[in-house]
Amino acid sequence: MAMVEMPAQFCSPDLHDIHPDISNCTNYFWALLHQRTALLNANVVIEIVGMPGVSKSWSGLTITDWVNSWGYGHKLKPDDVEAQISFSNDDCANQMQSALDGQCFLDDERPRPSGLGADTAQEALENILDIVRKRRISVVLISPTPRELPFYTFQLTSLSVMYTNRLGIFKCMAGNKVYGLVQIPAPRSELIPPYERAKDVFTEKMMRHGGTSGVNLKRIVNQLWAHPKIQACRFKKKGILKATIAIDIPNLTLPTNVLPIVTDYIHDRFEMEELEAQLAEGDSPKRKRRKKKTR
């Protein structure tokens, strides 16, 4: 890739330990990615960190496109974009199940995990990265802040954008070592519309779910089931169970439309266990008798 001379102002305070004359490691960055994916039959895991609006996603799409061409044998087509971009751990894991050796995926910036789901979000991501390493699948992760995971080939921190040249400028690190600055061009123009459409769908989904994405209902129900306050609602009305989930369980944040689903599932599970216990004892299931109306 032909390098563009970077003005001195792009050497931000984050790079105080790098001399401006030796700070450009763009050729080294791309050469190493090519070597690992095309020649060494290995994968790459790259994290891109930075504030909104500094070309993280577009640069990640460019890396995904190039690594696909080296490791998988062809660049992304517009129809491939939606199937190789995810906005949650669950979507990313689903894509990995059908992935082929050498493919590269973009796991775009997702909402910060909160409530009950936050306990397992980090573990789920580490499991995904461990699996893709063994299957020679590459992943580009977009994050607002560093996640401090040990699997990265490189960690790129966004510094600025050169709009006239359509280049993102990033600080390149591996572990605790700073290599210098990397230039990443904007993706091919035909990949941008399908990416923006996929992001629009995700944004609309976020709005409908009250700001929460990737809610794993099965995981939430399993964790709630063992909670003593939930077990205390076993023989109480469904409304009391719903209020307990919404109010009395600390650190649990559920979208408005998810709360009734979780409540129904736990209440039905209570009734099913009670029915099974009655059948095991040889009793006929008890039916609620309707009271006769008196005039």
Protein backbone atom coordinates (compact mmCIF):
# COMPACT_ATOMS: atom_id res chain seq x y z
CA MET A 1 0.00 0.00 0.00
CA ALA A 2 1.35 3.45 -0.94
CA MET A 3 1.87 5.52 2.18
CA VAL A 4 0.76 9.14 2.51
CA GLU A 5 3.03 11.51 4.41
CA MET A 6 1.32 12.34 7.67
CA PRO A 7 1.41 15.90 9.03
CA ALA A 8 3.03 16.38 12.42
CA GLN A 9 -0.32 17.10 14.11
CA PHE A 10 -1.30 13.45 13.68
CA CYS A 11 1.42 12.43 16.12
CA SER A 12 -0.87 12.86 19.11
CA PRO A 13 0.22 12.95 22.78
CA ASP A 14 -0.56 9.23 22.88
CA LEU A 15 2.55 8.74 20.76
CA HIS A 16 4.94 10.76 22.88
CA ASP A 17 7.36 7.83 22.96
CA ILE A 18 7.53 7.52 19.15
CA HIS A 19 9.78 9.72 17.08
CA PRO A 20 7.81 11.25 14.16
CA ASP A 21 10.44 10.17 11.63
CA ILE A 22 10.01 6.47 12.40
CA SER A 23 6.36 6.34 13.41
CA ASN A 24 4.79 5.01 10.20
CA CYS A 25 4.45 1.20 10.35
CA THR A 26 1.71 0.85 7.70
CA ASN A 27 3.70 -1.47 5.43
CA TYR A 28 4.70 -3.69 8.33
CA PHE A 29 1.06 -3.95 9.50
CA TRP A 30 -0.34 -5.04 6.14
CA ALA A 31 2.63 -7.32 5.40
CA LEU A 32 2.16 -9.19 8.68
CA LEU A 33 -1.58 -9.67 8.09
CA HIS A 34 -0.84 -11.02 4.61
CA GLN A 35 1.88 -13.32 5.90
CA ARG A 36 -0.27 -14.85 8.64
CA THR A 37 -3.43 -15.37 6.57
CA ALA A 38 -1.99 -16.18 3.12
CA LEU A 39 1.30 -17.94 3.93
CA LEU A 40 1.24 -19.29 7.50
CA ASN A 41 -2.30 -20.69 7.48
CA ALA A 42 -3.10 -18.70 10.64
CA ASN A 43 -5.75 -16.21 11.68
CA VAL A 44 -5.63 -12.64 12.97
CA VAL A 45 -7.66 -11.01 15.74
CA ILE A 46 -7.61 -7.21 15.66
CA GLU A 47 -9.29 -4.76 18.02
CA ILE A 48 -10.00 -1.19 16.92
CA VAL A 49 -10.60 1.24 19.78
CA GLY A 50 -11.73 4.85 19.68
CA MET A 51 -14.41 7.48 20.03
CA PRO A 52 -17.41 7.63 17.65
CA GLY A 53 -16.88 9.18 14.23
CA VAL A 54 -13.20 8.35 13.76
CA SER A 55 -13.56 5.74 10.99
CA LYS A 56 -13.36 2.64 13.23
CA SER A 57 -16.12 0.72 11.44
CA TRP A 58 -15.07 1.68 7.91
CA SER A 59 -11.46 0.80 8.65
CA GLY A 60 -12.59 -2.50 10.18
CA LEU A 61 -14.58 -3.22 7.02
CA THR A 62 -11.46 -2.58 4.91
CA ILE A 63 -9.38 -4.99 7.02
CA THR A 64 -12.16 -7.60 6.83
CA ASP A 65 -12.27 -7.24 3.05
CA TRP A 66 -8.51 -7.58 2.57
CA VAL A 67 -8.04 -10.47 5.02
CA ASN A 68 -10.88 -12.36 3.31
CA SER A 69 -9.10 -11.98 -0.02
CA TRP A 70 -5.85 -13.38 1.43
CA GLY A 71 -7.10 -16.10 3.77
CA TYR A 72 -10.38 -17.14 2.17
CA GLY A 73 -9.59 -16.53 -1.48
CA HIS A 74 -11.91 -13.70 -2.50
CA LYS A 75 -12.85 -10.22 -1.36
CA LEU A 76 -16.22 -9.40 0.09
CA LYS A 77 -19.14 -8.99 -2.25
CA PRO A 78 -21.95 -6.57 -1.36
CA ASP A 79 -24.22 -9.55 -0.63
CA ASP A 80 -21.65 -10.94 1.82
CA VAL A 81 -21.51 -7.89 4.05
CA GLU A 82 -24.62 -8.50 6.14
CA ALA A 83 -23.65 -12.13 6.85
CA GLN A 84 -20.13 -11.20 7.99
CA ILE A 85 -20.94 -8.27 10.28
CA SER A 86 -22.43 -8.67 13.76
CA PHE A 87 -23.50 -6.27 16.50
CA SER A 88 -23.78 -8.68 19.46
CA ASN A 89 -22.04 -11.71 20.95
CA ASP A 90 -24.96 -13.97 20.04
CA ASP A 91 -24.94 -12.91 16.37
CA CYS A 92 -21.17 -13.29 16.23
CA ALA A 93 -21.33 -16.79 17.71
CA ASN A 94 -24.02 -17.81 15.21
CA GLN A 95 -21.86 -16.63 12.32
CA MET A 96 -18.87 -18.61 13.60
CA GLN A 97 -20.88 -21.85 13.49
CA SER A 98 -21.24 -21.70 9.71
CA ALA A 99 -17.90 -20.01 8.97
CA LEU A 100 -15.29 -21.58 6.68
CA ASP A 101 -11.55 -21.65 7.25
CA GLY A 102 -9.89 -18.40 6.27
CA GLN A 103 -12.97 -16.20 6.52
CA CYS A 104 -12.80 -12.87 8.34
CA PHE A 105 -15.69 -11.31 10.27
CA LEU A 106 -16.35 -7.82 11.60
CA ASP A 107 -17.82 -7.69 15.10
CA ASP A 108 -18.94 -4.09 15.17
CA GLU A 109 -19.34 -1.88 18.22
CA ARG A 110 -22.06 -3.20 20.45
CA PRO A 111 -23.80 -1.57 23.44
CA ARG A 112 -22.04 -1.77 26.77
CA PRO A 113 -23.30 -4.91 28.58
CA SER A 114 -25.33 -4.17 31.70
CA GLY A 115 -27.35 -5.96 34.33
CA LEU A 116 -27.45 -9.75 34.50
CA GLY A 117 -26.04 -10.21 31.00
CA ALA A 118 -22.84 -8.35 31.81
CA ASP A 119 -21.56 -11.21 33.95
CA THR A 120 -21.24 -13.54 30.97
CA ALA A 121 -20.58 -11.13 28.07
CA GLN A 122 -16.81 -11.08 28.58
CA GLU A 123 -16.64 -14.85 29.02
CA ALA A 124 -18.71 -15.41 25.86
CA LEU A 125 -16.40 -13.17 23.83
CA GLU A 126 -13.30 -15.00 25.08
CA ASN A 127 -14.86 -18.35 24.15
CA ILE A 128 -15.61 -17.08 20.65
CA LEU A 129 -12.06 -15.85 20.13
CA ASP A 130 -10.61 -19.12 21.37
CA ILE A 131 -12.75 -21.08 18.90
CA VAL A 132 -11.95 -18.92 15.89
CA ARG A 133 -8.22 -19.18 16.56
CA LYS A 134 -8.39 -22.96 16.24
CA ARG A 135 -10.48 -22.78 13.06
CA ARG A 136 -8.29 -20.15 11.32
CA ILE A 137 -11.14 -17.64 11.31
CA SER A 138 -10.14 -13.99 11.63
CA VAL A 139 -12.11 -11.38 13.55
CA VAL A 140 -11.98 -7.59 13.67
CA LEU A 141 -13.49 -6.20 16.89
CA ILE A 142 -14.73 -2.61 17.21
CA SER A 143 -14.78 -1.24 20.77
CA PRO A 144 -15.24 2.15 22.42
CA THR A 145 -12.64 1.21 25.08
CA PRO A 146 -9.96 -1.52 25.27
CA ARG A 147 -11.17 -4.91 26.47
CA GLU A 148 -7.73 -6.15 27.63
CA LEU A 149 -8.01 -9.61 26.07
CA PRO A 150 -4.88 -11.73 25.43
CA PHE A 151 -5.77 -12.94 21.93
CA TYR A 152 -5.03 -9.87 19.81
CA THR A 153 -2.63 -9.83 16.91
CA PHE A 154 -2.85 -6.04 16.97
CA GLN A 155 -4.76 -3.40 18.88
CA LEU A 156 -5.43 -0.21 16.91
CA THR A 157 -6.36 3.02 18.64
CA SER A 158 -8.02 5.59 16.39
CA LEU A 159 -6.32 8.98 16.42
CA SER A 160 -7.77 10.95 13.51
CA VAL A 161 -9.01 10.91 9.92
CA MET A 162 -7.37 12.44 6.85
CA TYR A 163 -10.55 13.28 4.95
CA THR A 164 -8.83 14.47 1.77
CA ASN A 165 -7.12 11.09 1.38
CA ARG A 166 -9.93 9.05 3.01
CA LEU A 167 -7.50 7.49 5.47
CA GLY A 168 -7.92 6.55 9.12
CA ILE A 169 -4.88 7.08 11.33
CA PHE A 170 -4.32 4.56 14.15
CA LYS A 171 -1.77 3.83 16.84
CA CYS A 172 -0.69 0.20 16.43
CA MET A 173 0.13 -1.94 19.47
CA ALA A 174 0.76 -5.61 20.22
CA GLY A 175 0.73 -6.36 23.93
CA ASN A 176 2.57 -3.49 25.61
CA LYS A 177 4.68 -2.68 22.56
CA VAL A 178 3.84 0.33 20.40
CA TYR A 179 4.84 -0.17 16.75
CA GLY A 180 3.81 3.24 15.41
CA LEU A 181 1.10 4.69 13.14
CA VAL A 182 -0.98 2.75 10.65
CA GLN A 183 -2.96 4.17 7.73
CA ILE A 184 -6.15 2.34 6.72
CA PRO A 185 -8.10 3.48 3.65
CA ALA A 186 -11.87 3.66 3.41
CA PRO A 187 -13.61 0.48 2.16
CA ARG A 188 -14.60 -0.07 -1.45
CA SER A 189 -17.62 2.08 -2.29
CA GLU A 190 -19.86 -0.90 -3.13
CA LEU A 191 -19.47 -2.28 0.42
CA ILE A 192 -20.64 0.87 2.18
CA PRO A 193 -24.41 0.79 1.34
CA PRO A 194 -24.98 -2.80 2.58
CA TYR A 195 -22.98 -2.04 5.73
CA GLU A 196 -25.05 1.07 6.46
CA ARG A 197 -28.28 -0.88 5.88
CA ALA A 198 -27.19 -3.57 8.35
CA LYS A 199 -26.33 -0.89 10.90
CA ASP A 200 -29.70 0.82 10.39
CA VAL A 201 -31.50 -2.46 11.10
CA PHE A 202 -29.47 -2.90 14.27
CA THR A 203 -30.13 0.68 15.40
CA GLU A 204 -33.88 0.27 14.87
CA LYS A 205 -33.79 -2.97 16.86
CA MET A 206 -31.97 -1.16 19.67
CA MET A 207 -34.66 1.52 19.78
CA ARG A 208 -37.44 -1.08 19.97
CA HIS A 209 -35.68 -2.95 22.78
CA GLY A 210 -35.11 0.10 24.93
CA GLY A 211 -31.37 0.29 24.32
CA THR A 212 -30.54 -3.38 24.96
CA SER A 213 -29.22 -5.71 22.28
CA GLY A 214 -28.46 -9.40 22.17
CA VAL A 215 -30.69 -10.36 25.12
CA ASN A 216 -30.25 -14.07 25.81
CA LEU A 217 -33.56 -15.02 27.45
CA LYS A 218 -32.55 -18.59 28.23
CA ARG A 219 -29.44 -17.44 30.09
CA ILE A 220 -31.43 -14.83 32.04
CA VAL A 221 -34.15 -17.31 33.04
CA ASN A 222 -31.59 -19.90 34.16
CA GLN A 223 -29.83 -17.36 36.35
CA LEU A 224 -33.07 -16.03 37.81
CA TRP A 225 -34.39 -19.51 38.55
CA ALA A 226 -31.91 -20.10 41.38
CA HIS A 227 -32.52 -16.72 43.00
CA PRO A 228 -34.17 -17.11 46.44
CA LYS A 229 -36.56 -14.18 45.84
CA ILE A 230 -37.80 -15.88 42.68
CA GLN A 231 -38.27 -19.23 44.43
CA ALA A 232 -40.27 -17.43 47.13
CA CYS A 233 -42.80 -16.48 44.43
CA ARG A 234 -43.53 -20.13 43.56
CA PHE A 235 -47.09 -20.19 44.93
CA LYS A 236 -47.90 -16.53 44.43
CA LYS A 237 -49.68 -14.68 41.66
CA LYS A 238 -47.94 -13.86 38.39
CA GLY A 239 -48.16 -10.13 39.13
CA ILE A 240 -46.09 -10.57 42.29
CA LEU A 241 -43.51 -12.57 40.34
CA LYS A 242 -43.31 -9.83 37.70
CA ALA A 243 -42.86 -7.11 40.32
CA THR A 244 -40.15 -9.15 42.04
CA ILE A 245 -38.19 -9.50 38.79
CA ALA A 246 -38.58 -5.83 37.92
CA ILE A 247 -37.92 -4.31 41.34
CA ASP A 248 -36.39 -6.70 43.86
CA ILE A 249 -33.60 -8.32 41.80
CA PRO A 250 -30.46 -6.13 41.98
CA ASN A 251 -28.37 -5.38 38.87
CA LEU A 252 -31.04 -6.72 36.52
CA THR A 253 -32.03 -4.46 33.61
CA LEU A 254 -34.52 -5.85 31.09
CA PRO A 255 -36.22 -4.08 28.16
CA THR A 256 -39.91 -3.38 28.72
CA ASN A 257 -41.01 -5.94 26.15
CA VAL A 258 -38.76 -8.69 27.57
CA LEU A 259 -40.01 -8.60 31.18
CA PRO A 260 -43.44 -10.20 30.44
CA ILE A 261 -41.79 -13.00 28.43
CA VAL A 262 -39.40 -13.87 31.26
CA THR A 263 -42.23 -13.68 33.81
CA ASP A 264 -44.49 -16.01 31.78
CA TYR A 265 -41.68 -18.51 31.26
CA ILE A 266 -40.81 -18.75 34.99
CA HIS A 267 -44.48 -18.85 36.06
CA ASP A 268 -45.25 -21.63 33.56
CA ARG A 269 -42.20 -23.51 34.81
CA PHE A 270 -43.52 -23.27 38.39
CA GLU A 271 -46.89 -24.67 37.30
CA MET A 272 -45.26 -27.47 35.30
CA GLU A 273 -43.15 -28.59 38.26
CA GLU A 274 -46.22 -28.53 40.54
CA LEU A 275 -48.16 -30.64 38.04
CA GLU A 276 -45.30 -33.15 37.71
CA ALA A 277 -45.10 -33.45 41.51
CA GLN A 278 -48.84 -34.21 41.73
CA LEU A 279 -48.61 -36.87 39.01
CA ALA A 280 -45.59 -38.45 40.70
CA GLU A 281 -47.59 -38.81 43.92
CA GLY A 282 -50.44 -40.45 42.07
CA ASP A 283 -52.82 -37.56 42.53
CA SER A 284 -54.99 -36.21 39.76
CA PRO A 285 -54.14 -32.66 38.78
CA LYS A 286 -56.01 -30.19 40.92
CA ARG A 287 -58.36 -27.91 39.08
CA LYS A 288 -59.48 -24.57 40.26
CA ARG A 289 -63.19 -24.56 41.06
CA ARG A 290 -65.24 -21.62 40.04
CA LYS A 291 -67.30 -20.06 42.78
CA LYS A 292 -71.00 -19.95 42.10
CA LYS A 293 -72.36 -16.48 41.75
CA THR A 294 -74.97 -15.57 44.38
CA ARG A 295 -77.71 -13.19 43.57
